[in-house]
Amino acid sequence: MLLSTVASVLDSDIPPRALAIYAHPDDPEISAGGTLARWADAGSEVHVLVTTRGDKGSSDPDADTEALARRRREESAAAARVLGLAGTHHLDHPDGELTDDRALRLELVRTIRTLRPDVVLAPDPTAFFFGDGYVNHRDHRVTGLAVIDAVAPAAGNPHYFPELRAEGLGVHQPRALYLSGTLEPNVWVDVGTTLDRKVEALFCHASQLTETGEWFREFLRESAEAAGRAAGVTYAEGFRRIHLA
């Protein structure tokens, strides 16, 4: 890749405020943990919003799903501390039952108008299949689609969800949307200084790690290396960036 091309795809922007909206408690870390930590280290106010409870994150038929949901919320908070985030927020919808409807979009717009992020991160809902071995989870796709509708144009338009005006929440238009887990990345963030923290944050989600051996760390490192090769750096995370304002 030509050096001029590499320079055009590496993103060094540090948004003053960022909001990462993902489906399950460990999704922000695996999708964008290095980027969130990089931005937080540079002074950005970074928040995470999780749309589901994570209550079906077990293959054990006898699992206590209420206890699992509570544990996963605690794991999410621990991971946020590792990454240096400003806060974690939860909508608590049941796993697998998320619906892209007015109620969900209202919750998302309320959070966006409250936190007023410059940048919103979310899963790319257009990515259904990754090779021939993985189908993107429905909760990821529904969350991504609802976030897109929430930021373009609902959050910035006063005629959407007028009841929020009664709550004292004025409109807010994020200036960019970063979609992770995308098949069409157009920008990469160098996470060479924060990859280790991303890995550490993911290991906070112990309920999801049936095997915590070196293979998982190596998988995360190899994924970051692959993204880094596309951007001409050692480690990176890739996104499809959409400019909104």
C-alpha atoms as a PDB file:
ATOM      1  CA  MET A   1       0.000   0.000   0.000  1.00  0.00           C
ATOM      2  CA  LEU A   2       1.298   3.464  -0.878  1.00  0.00           C
ATOM      3  CA  LEU A   3       2.293   5.650   2.036  1.00  0.00           C
ATOM      4  CA  SER A   4      -0.064   8.400   0.878  1.00  0.00           C
ATOM      5  CA  THR A   5      -2.939   5.917   0.981  1.00  0.00           C
ATOM      6  CA  VAL A   6      -1.970   4.731   4.451  1.00  0.00           C
ATOM      7  CA  ALA A   7      -1.992   8.299   5.730  1.00  0.00           C
ATOM      8  CA  SER A   8      -5.490   8.810   4.380  1.00  0.00           C
ATOM      9  CA  VAL A   9      -7.008   5.840   6.226  1.00  0.00           C
ATOM     10  CA  LEU A  10      -5.330   6.209   9.615  1.00  0.00           C
ATOM     11  CA  ASP A  11      -7.591   8.153  11.949  1.00  0.00           C
ATOM     12  CA  SER A  12      -5.814  10.259  14.567  1.00  0.00           C
ATOM     13  CA  ASP A  13      -8.899  12.289  15.552  1.00  0.00           C
ATOM     14  CA  ILE A  14      -9.724  12.381  19.269  1.00  0.00           C
ATOM     15  CA  PRO A  15     -13.406  13.214  19.808  1.00  0.00           C
ATOM     16  CA  PRO A  16     -14.196  15.241  22.936  1.00  0.00           C
ATOM     17  CA  ARG A  17     -17.044  12.814  23.722  1.00  0.00           C
ATOM     18  CA  ALA A  18     -17.750   9.323  22.410  1.00  0.00           C
ATOM     19  CA  LEU A  19     -20.542   6.831  22.987  1.00  0.00           C
ATOM     20  CA  ALA A  20     -20.120   3.146  22.115  1.00  0.00           C
ATOM     21  CA  ILE A  21     -23.476   1.373  21.757  1.00  0.00           C
ATOM     22  CA  TYR A  22     -23.321  -2.418  21.603  1.00  0.00           C
ATOM     23  CA  ALA A  23     -25.577  -5.390  22.214  1.00  0.00           C
ATOM     24  CA  HIS A  24     -23.823  -7.491  24.873  1.00  0.00           C
ATOM     25  CA  PRO A  25     -21.603  -6.583  27.838  1.00  0.00           C
ATOM     26  CA  ASP A  26     -18.353  -7.772  26.203  1.00  0.00           C
ATOM     27  CA  ASP A  27     -19.085  -6.380  22.724  1.00  0.00           C
ATOM     28  CA  PRO A  28     -17.582  -2.894  23.211  1.00  0.00           C
ATOM     29  CA  GLU A  29     -14.244  -4.360  24.301  1.00  0.00           C
ATOM     30  CA  ILE A  30     -13.880  -6.909  21.525  1.00  0.00           C
ATOM     31  CA  SER A  31     -15.171  -4.536  18.847  1.00  0.00           C
ATOM     32  CA  ALA A  32     -13.430  -1.303  19.778  1.00  0.00           C
ATOM     33  CA  GLY A  33     -11.659  -1.652  23.126  1.00  0.00           C
ATOM     34  CA  GLY A  34      -8.324  -0.396  21.850  1.00  0.00           C
ATOM     35  CA  THR A  35      -9.904   2.654  20.253  1.00  0.00           C
ATOM     36  CA  LEU A  36     -11.983   3.503  23.326  1.00  0.00           C
ATOM     37  CA  ALA A  37      -8.901   3.276  25.556  1.00  0.00           C
ATOM     38  CA  ARG A  38      -6.839   5.372  23.136  1.00  0.00           C
ATOM     39  CA  TRP A  39      -9.459   8.103  23.101  1.00  0.00           C
ATOM     40  CA  ALA A  40      -9.922   7.999  26.876  1.00  0.00           C
ATOM     41  CA  ASP A  41      -6.156   8.269  27.399  1.00  0.00           C
ATOM     42  CA  ALA A  42      -6.138  11.376  25.198  1.00  0.00           C
ATOM     43  CA  GLY A  43      -8.833  13.069  27.290  1.00  0.00           C
ATOM     44  CA  SER A  44     -12.014  12.013  25.549  1.00  0.00           C
ATOM     45  CA  GLU A  45     -15.102  11.424  27.699  1.00  0.00           C
ATOM     46  CA  VAL A  46     -16.044   7.898  26.630  1.00  0.00           C
ATOM     47  CA  HIS A  47     -19.259   6.127  27.586  1.00  0.00           C
ATOM     48  CA  VAL A  48     -20.589   2.649  26.798  1.00  0.00           C
ATOM     49  CA  LEU A  49     -24.261   1.733  26.395  1.00  0.00           C
ATOM     50  CA  VAL A  50     -25.231  -1.962  26.346  1.00  0.00           C
ATOM     51  CA  THR A  51     -28.661  -2.761  24.935  1.00  0.00           C
ATOM     52  CA  THR A  52     -29.209  -6.275  26.351  1.00  0.00           C
ATOM     53  CA  ARG A  53     -28.778  -7.967  29.713  1.00  0.00           C
ATOM     54  CA  GLY A  54     -26.404 -10.681  28.534  1.00  0.00           C
ATOM     55  CA  ASP A  55     -28.672 -13.194  30.247  1.00  0.00           C
ATOM     56  CA  LYS A  56     -28.356 -15.861  27.546  1.00  0.00           C
ATOM     57  CA  GLY A  57     -24.566 -15.799  27.509  1.00  0.00           C
ATOM     58  CA  SER A  58     -24.266 -19.406  28.660  1.00  0.00           C
ATOM     59  CA  SER A  59     -24.754 -22.826  27.085  1.00  0.00           C
ATOM     60  CA  ASP A  60     -25.509 -24.392  30.499  1.00  0.00           C
ATOM     61  CA  PRO A  61     -29.228 -25.322  30.544  1.00  0.00           C
ATOM     62  CA  ASP A  62     -29.240 -25.024  34.348  1.00  0.00           C
ATOM     63  CA  ALA A  63     -27.621 -21.589  34.475  1.00  0.00           C
ATOM     64  CA  ASP A  64     -29.246 -18.972  36.686  1.00  0.00           C
ATOM     65  CA  THR A  65     -29.882 -16.322  34.037  1.00  0.00           C
ATOM     66  CA  GLU A  66     -30.706 -13.597  36.553  1.00  0.00           C
ATOM     67  CA  ALA A  67     -27.435 -14.180  38.363  1.00  0.00           C
ATOM     68  CA  LEU A  68     -25.605 -14.263  35.027  1.00  0.00           C
ATOM     69  CA  ALA A  69     -27.086 -10.912  34.001  1.00  0.00           C
ATOM     70  CA  ARG A  70     -25.990  -9.359  37.307  1.00  0.00           C
ATOM     71  CA  ARG A  71     -22.515 -10.804  36.965  1.00  0.00           C
ATOM     72  CA  ARG A  72     -22.163  -9.527  33.417  1.00  0.00           C
ATOM     73  CA  ARG A  73     -23.100  -6.004  34.483  1.00  0.00           C
ATOM     74  CA  GLU A  74     -20.319  -6.187  37.095  1.00  0.00           C
ATOM     75  CA  GLU A  75     -17.898  -7.478  34.451  1.00  0.00           C
ATOM     76  CA  SER A  76     -18.846  -4.590  32.185  1.00  0.00           C
ATOM     77  CA  ALA A  77     -18.062  -2.081  34.927  1.00  0.00           C
ATOM     78  CA  ALA A  78     -14.710  -3.745  35.635  1.00  0.00           C
ATOM     79  CA  ALA A  79     -13.760  -3.662  31.948  1.00  0.00           C
ATOM     80  CA  ALA A  80     -14.693   0.016  31.742  1.00  0.00           C
ATOM     81  CA  ARG A  81     -12.339   0.777  34.630  1.00  0.00           C
ATOM     82  CA  VAL A  82      -9.493  -0.963  32.810  1.00  0.00           C
ATOM     83  CA  LEU A  83     -10.141   1.076  29.662  1.00  0.00           C
ATOM     84  CA  GLY A  84     -10.535   4.329  31.580  1.00  0.00           C
ATOM     85  CA  LEU A  85     -14.105   5.000  30.476  1.00  0.00           C
ATOM     86  CA  ALA A  86     -16.340   7.685  31.953  1.00  0.00           C
ATOM     87  CA  GLY A  87     -19.374   5.463  32.433  1.00  0.00           C
ATOM     88  CA  THR A  88     -21.364   2.372  31.515  1.00  0.00           C
ATOM     89  CA  HIS A  89     -25.108   2.331  30.857  1.00  0.00           C
ATOM     90  CA  HIS A  90     -27.543  -0.547  30.323  1.00  0.00           C
ATOM     91  CA  LEU A  91     -30.957  -0.845  28.683  1.00  0.00           C
ATOM     92  CA  ASP A  92     -31.501  -4.400  30.006  1.00  0.00           C
ATOM     93  CA  HIS A  93     -33.431  -5.935  27.113  1.00  0.00           C
ATOM     94  CA  PRO A  94     -33.463  -9.758  27.139  1.00  0.00           C
ATOM     95  CA  ASP A  95     -30.885 -11.394  24.881  1.00  0.00           C
ATOM     96  CA  GLY A  96     -32.245 -12.409  21.501  1.00  0.00           C
ATOM     97  CA  GLU A  97     -35.478 -10.424  21.921  1.00  0.00           C
ATOM     98  CA  LEU A  98     -34.247  -7.002  20.882  1.00  0.00           C
ATOM     99  CA  THR A  99     -36.569  -5.244  18.424  1.00  0.00           C
ATOM    100  CA  ASP A 100     -35.763  -2.238  16.271  1.00  0.00           C
ATOM    101  CA  ASP A 101     -38.916  -0.355  17.207  1.00  0.00           C
ATOM    102  CA  ARG A 102     -39.866   3.101  18.414  1.00  0.00           C
ATOM    103  CA  ALA A 103     -39.303   2.170  22.057  1.00  0.00           C
ATOM    104  CA  LEU A 104     -35.696   1.125  21.467  1.00  0.00           C
ATOM    105  CA  ARG A 105     -34.952   4.139  19.287  1.00  0.00           C
ATOM    106  CA  LEU A 106     -36.425   6.401  21.965  1.00  0.00           C
ATOM    107  CA  GLU A 107     -34.048   4.912  24.553  1.00  0.00           C
ATOM    108  CA  LEU A 108     -31.092   5.418  22.232  1.00  0.00           C
ATOM    109  CA  VAL A 109     -32.026   8.982  21.323  1.00  0.00           C
ATOM    110  CA  ARG A 110     -32.574   9.815  24.999  1.00  0.00           C
ATOM    111  CA  THR A 111     -29.052   8.586  25.793  1.00  0.00           C
ATOM    112  CA  ILE A 112     -27.512  10.443  22.849  1.00  0.00           C
ATOM    113  CA  ARG A 113     -29.264  13.693  23.751  1.00  0.00           C
ATOM    114  CA  THR A 114     -28.227  13.261  27.387  1.00  0.00           C
ATOM    115  CA  LEU A 115     -24.552  12.423  26.834  1.00  0.00           C
ATOM    116  CA  ARG A 116     -24.180  14.508  23.627  1.00  0.00           C
ATOM    117  CA  PRO A 117     -21.364  12.503  22.021  1.00  0.00           C
ATOM    118  CA  ASP A 118     -19.392  13.821  19.068  1.00  0.00           C
ATOM    119  CA  VAL A 119     -18.901  10.252  17.845  1.00  0.00           C
ATOM    120  CA  VAL A 120     -21.093   7.177  18.166  1.00  0.00           C
ATOM    121  CA  LEU A 121     -19.723   3.647  17.695  1.00  0.00           C
ATOM    122  CA  ALA A 122     -21.927   0.640  16.910  1.00  0.00           C
ATOM    123  CA  PRO A 123     -21.930  -2.713  15.092  1.00  0.00           C
ATOM    124  CA  ASP A 124     -22.326  -2.651  11.316  1.00  0.00           C
ATOM    125  CA  PRO A 125     -25.806  -4.162  10.742  1.00  0.00           C
ATOM    126  CA  THR A 126     -25.078  -4.939   7.097  1.00  0.00           C
ATOM    127  CA  ALA A 127     -22.493  -7.577   8.045  1.00  0.00           C
ATOM    128  CA  PHE A 128     -24.471 -10.833   8.212  1.00  0.00           C
ATOM    129  CA  PHE A 129     -21.803 -13.448   7.471  1.00  0.00           C
ATOM    130  CA  PHE A 130     -18.073 -13.598   8.182  1.00  0.00           C
ATOM    131  CA  GLY A 131     -16.586 -16.205   5.879  1.00  0.00           C
ATOM    132  CA  ASP A 132     -18.326 -19.559   6.045  1.00  0.00           C
ATOM    133  CA  GLY A 133     -18.075 -20.079   9.788  1.00  0.00           C
ATOM    134  CA  TYR A 134     -19.889 -17.253  11.601  1.00  0.00           C
ATOM    135  CA  VAL A 135     -23.328 -15.650  11.406  1.00  0.00           C
ATOM    136  CA  ASN A 136     -23.483 -12.218  12.997  1.00  0.00           C
ATOM    137  CA  HIS A 137     -25.704 -12.304  16.077  1.00  0.00           C
ATOM    138  CA  ARG A 138     -29.180 -10.861  15.631  1.00  0.00           C
ATOM    139  CA  ASP A 139     -28.720  -8.577  18.647  1.00  0.00           C
ATOM    140  CA  HIS A 140     -25.654  -7.053  16.972  1.00  0.00           C
ATOM    141  CA  ARG A 141     -27.561  -6.383  13.761  1.00  0.00           C
ATOM    142  CA  VAL A 142     -30.649  -4.980  15.498  1.00  0.00           C
ATOM    143  CA  THR A 143     -28.536  -2.753  17.727  1.00  0.00           C
ATOM    144  CA  GLY A 144     -26.556  -1.421  14.773  1.00  0.00           C
ATOM    145  CA  LEU A 145     -29.634  -0.673  12.702  1.00  0.00           C
ATOM    146  CA  ALA A 146     -31.411   1.044  15.589  1.00  0.00           C
ATOM    147  CA  VAL A 147     -28.332   3.169  16.313  1.00  0.00           C
ATOM    148  CA  ILE A 148     -28.133   4.290  12.692  1.00  0.00           C
ATOM    149  CA  ASP A 149     -31.786   5.339  12.787  1.00  0.00           C
ATOM    150  CA  ALA A 150     -31.229   7.079  16.124  1.00  0.00           C
ATOM    151  CA  VAL A 151     -28.348   9.227  14.893  1.00  0.00           C
ATOM    152  CA  ALA A 152     -29.519   9.765  11.313  1.00  0.00           C
ATOM    153  CA  PRO A 153     -31.694  11.726  11.733  1.00  0.00           C
ATOM    154  CA  ALA A 154     -33.655  11.268  14.982  1.00  0.00           C
ATOM    155  CA  ALA A 155     -31.248  12.600  17.632  1.00  0.00           C
ATOM    156  CA  GLY A 156     -30.736  15.891  15.819  1.00  0.00           C
ATOM    157  CA  ASN A 157     -34.306  16.515  14.668  1.00  0.00           C
ATOM    158  CA  PRO A 158     -36.772  18.164  17.099  1.00  0.00           C
ATOM    159  CA  HIS A 159     -39.748  16.486  15.452  1.00  0.00           C
ATOM    160  CA  TYR A 160     -38.550  13.021  16.517  1.00  0.00           C
ATOM    161  CA  PHE A 161     -39.550  12.021  20.039  1.00  0.00           C
ATOM    162  CA  PRO A 162     -41.023  15.367  21.142  1.00  0.00           C
ATOM    163  CA  GLU A 163     -41.599  13.866  24.588  1.00  0.00           C
ATOM    164  CA  LEU A 164     -37.864  14.203  25.199  1.00  0.00           C
ATOM    165  CA  ARG A 165     -38.211  17.977  25.004  1.00  0.00           C
ATOM    166  CA  ALA A 166     -40.535  17.732  28.001  1.00  0.00           C
ATOM    167  CA  GLU A 167     -37.664  16.004  29.825  1.00  0.00           C
ATOM    168  CA  GLY A 168     -35.467  18.999  29.055  1.00  0.00           C
ATOM    169  CA  LEU A 169     -33.389  17.202  26.414  1.00  0.00           C
ATOM    170  CA  GLY A 170     -32.536  19.338  23.412  1.00  0.00           C
ATOM    171  CA  VAL A 171     -31.575  17.856  20.062  1.00  0.00           C
ATOM    172  CA  HIS A 172     -28.012  16.736  19.427  1.00  0.00           C
ATOM    173  CA  GLN A 173     -26.386  15.611  16.191  1.00  0.00           C
ATOM    174  CA  PRO A 174     -23.261  13.437  16.492  1.00  0.00           C
ATOM    175  CA  ARG A 175     -20.788  14.359  13.809  1.00  0.00           C
ATOM    176  CA  ALA A 176     -19.665  10.838  12.937  1.00  0.00           C
ATOM    177  CA  LEU A 177     -20.684   7.211  13.186  1.00  0.00           C
ATOM    178  CA  TYR A 178     -18.058   4.470  13.474  1.00  0.00           C
ATOM    179  CA  LEU A 179     -19.327   0.999  12.534  1.00  0.00           C
ATOM    180  CA  SER A 180     -17.241  -1.943  13.764  1.00  0.00           C
ATOM    181  CA  GLY A 181     -17.325  -5.565  12.685  1.00  0.00           C
ATOM    182  CA  THR A 182     -17.705  -4.238   9.165  1.00  0.00           C
ATOM    183  CA  LEU A 183     -16.897  -5.872   5.854  1.00  0.00           C
ATOM    184  CA  GLU A 184     -16.206  -2.429   4.370  1.00  0.00           C
ATOM    185  CA  PRO A 185     -13.773  -0.559   6.646  1.00  0.00           C
ATOM    186  CA  ASN A 186     -12.650   2.828   5.400  1.00  0.00           C
ATOM    187  CA  VAL A 187     -10.695   4.048   8.433  1.00  0.00           C
ATOM    188  CA  TRP A 188      -8.392   2.457  10.996  1.00  0.00           C
ATOM    189  CA  VAL A 189      -7.308   3.518  14.476  1.00  0.00           C
ATOM    190  CA  ASP A 190      -3.790   2.705  15.673  1.00  0.00           C
ATOM    191  CA  VAL A 191      -4.145   0.742  18.929  1.00  0.00           C
ATOM    192  CA  GLY A 192      -0.504  -0.149  19.408  1.00  0.00           C
ATOM    193  CA  THR A 193      -0.368   1.556  22.807  1.00  0.00           C
ATOM    194  CA  THR A 194      -3.692   0.191  24.076  1.00  0.00           C
ATOM    195  CA  LEU A 195      -3.979  -3.363  22.746  1.00  0.00           C
ATOM    196  CA  ASP A 196      -2.802  -4.858  26.030  1.00  0.00           C
ATOM    197  CA  ARG A 197      -5.512  -2.954  27.898  1.00  0.00           C
ATOM    198  CA  LYS A 198      -8.114  -4.182  25.417  1.00  0.00           C
ATOM    199  CA  VAL A 199      -7.043  -7.738  26.166  1.00  0.00           C
ATOM    200  CA  GLU A 200      -7.069  -7.098  29.918  1.00  0.00           C
ATOM    201  CA  ALA A 201     -10.563  -5.598  29.667  1.00  0.00           C
ATOM    202  CA  LEU A 202     -11.844  -8.613  27.767  1.00  0.00           C
ATOM    203  CA  PHE A 203     -10.504 -10.900  30.460  1.00  0.00           C
ATOM    204  CA  CYS A 204     -12.754  -9.057  32.922  1.00  0.00           C
ATOM    205  CA  HIS A 205     -15.631 -10.891  31.199  1.00  0.00           C
ATOM    206  CA  ALA A 206     -14.725 -14.179  32.868  1.00  0.00           C
ATOM    207  CA  SER A 207     -18.268 -15.560  32.524  1.00  0.00           C
ATOM    208  CA  GLN A 208     -17.755 -15.679  28.756  1.00  0.00           C
ATOM    209  CA  LEU A 209     -14.333 -17.297  28.796  1.00  0.00           C
ATOM    210  CA  THR A 210     -14.611 -21.058  29.038  1.00  0.00           C
ATOM    211  CA  GLU A 211     -10.895 -21.212  28.248  1.00  0.00           C
ATOM    212  CA  THR A 212      -8.627 -18.368  29.323  1.00  0.00           C
ATOM    213  CA  GLY A 213      -5.412 -19.705  27.888  1.00  0.00           C
ATOM    214  CA  GLU A 214      -2.867 -17.944  25.731  1.00  0.00           C
ATOM    215  CA  TRP A 215      -4.790 -18.879  22.564  1.00  0.00           C
ATOM    216  CA  PHE A 216      -7.371 -16.131  23.211  1.00  0.00           C
ATOM    217  CA  ARG A 217      -4.727 -13.474  23.717  1.00  0.00           C
ATOM    218  CA  GLU A 218      -3.053 -14.634  20.521  1.00  0.00           C
ATOM    219  CA  PHE A 219      -6.351 -14.494  18.616  1.00  0.00           C
ATOM    220  CA  LEU A 220      -6.896 -10.884  19.700  1.00  0.00           C
ATOM    221  CA  ARG A 221      -3.345  -9.953  18.795  1.00  0.00           C
ATOM    222  CA  GLU A 222      -3.584 -11.604  15.370  1.00  0.00           C
ATOM    223  CA  SER A 223      -6.856  -9.797  14.661  1.00  0.00           C
ATOM    224  CA  ALA A 224      -5.247  -6.463  15.535  1.00  0.00           C
ATOM    225  CA  GLU A 225      -2.238  -7.332  13.388  1.00  0.00           C
ATOM    226  CA  ALA A 226      -4.469  -8.080  10.410  1.00  0.00           C
ATOM    227  CA  ALA A 227      -6.185  -4.702  10.767  1.00  0.00           C
ATOM    228  CA  GLY A 228      -2.797  -3.066  11.254  1.00  0.00           C
ATOM    229  CA  ARG A 229      -1.529  -4.450   7.963  1.00  0.00           C
ATOM    230  CA  ALA A 230      -4.380  -2.681   6.170  1.00  0.00           C
ATOM    231  CA  ALA A 231      -3.349   0.613   7.763  1.00  0.00           C
ATOM    232  CA  GLY A 232       0.426   0.251   7.776  1.00  0.00           C
ATOM    233  CA  VAL A 233       0.819   0.044  11.558  1.00  0.00           C
ATOM    234  CA  THR A 234       1.505  -2.816  13.948  1.00  0.00           C
ATOM    235  CA  TYR A 235      -1.940  -3.029  15.566  1.00  0.00           C
ATOM    236  CA  ALA A 236      -5.210  -1.398  14.567  1.00  0.00           C
ATOM    237  CA  GLU A 237      -9.003  -1.549  14.716  1.00  0.00           C
ATOM    238  CA  GLY A 238     -10.989  -0.910  11.555  1.00  0.00           C
ATOM    239  CA  PHE A 239     -14.315   0.882  11.124  1.00  0.00           C
ATOM    240  CA  ARG A 240     -16.691   2.067   8.483  1.00  0.00           C
ATOM    241  CA  ARG A 241     -16.859   5.791   9.249  1.00  0.00           C
ATOM    242  CA  ILE A 242     -19.896   7.795   8.218  1.00  0.00           C
ATOM    243  CA  HIS A 243     -19.739  11.591   8.439  1.00  0.00           C
ATOM    244  CA  LEU A 244     -23.029  13.023   9.712  1.00  0.00           C
ATOM    245  CA  ALA A 245     -22.291  16.708  10.365  1.00  0.00           C
END
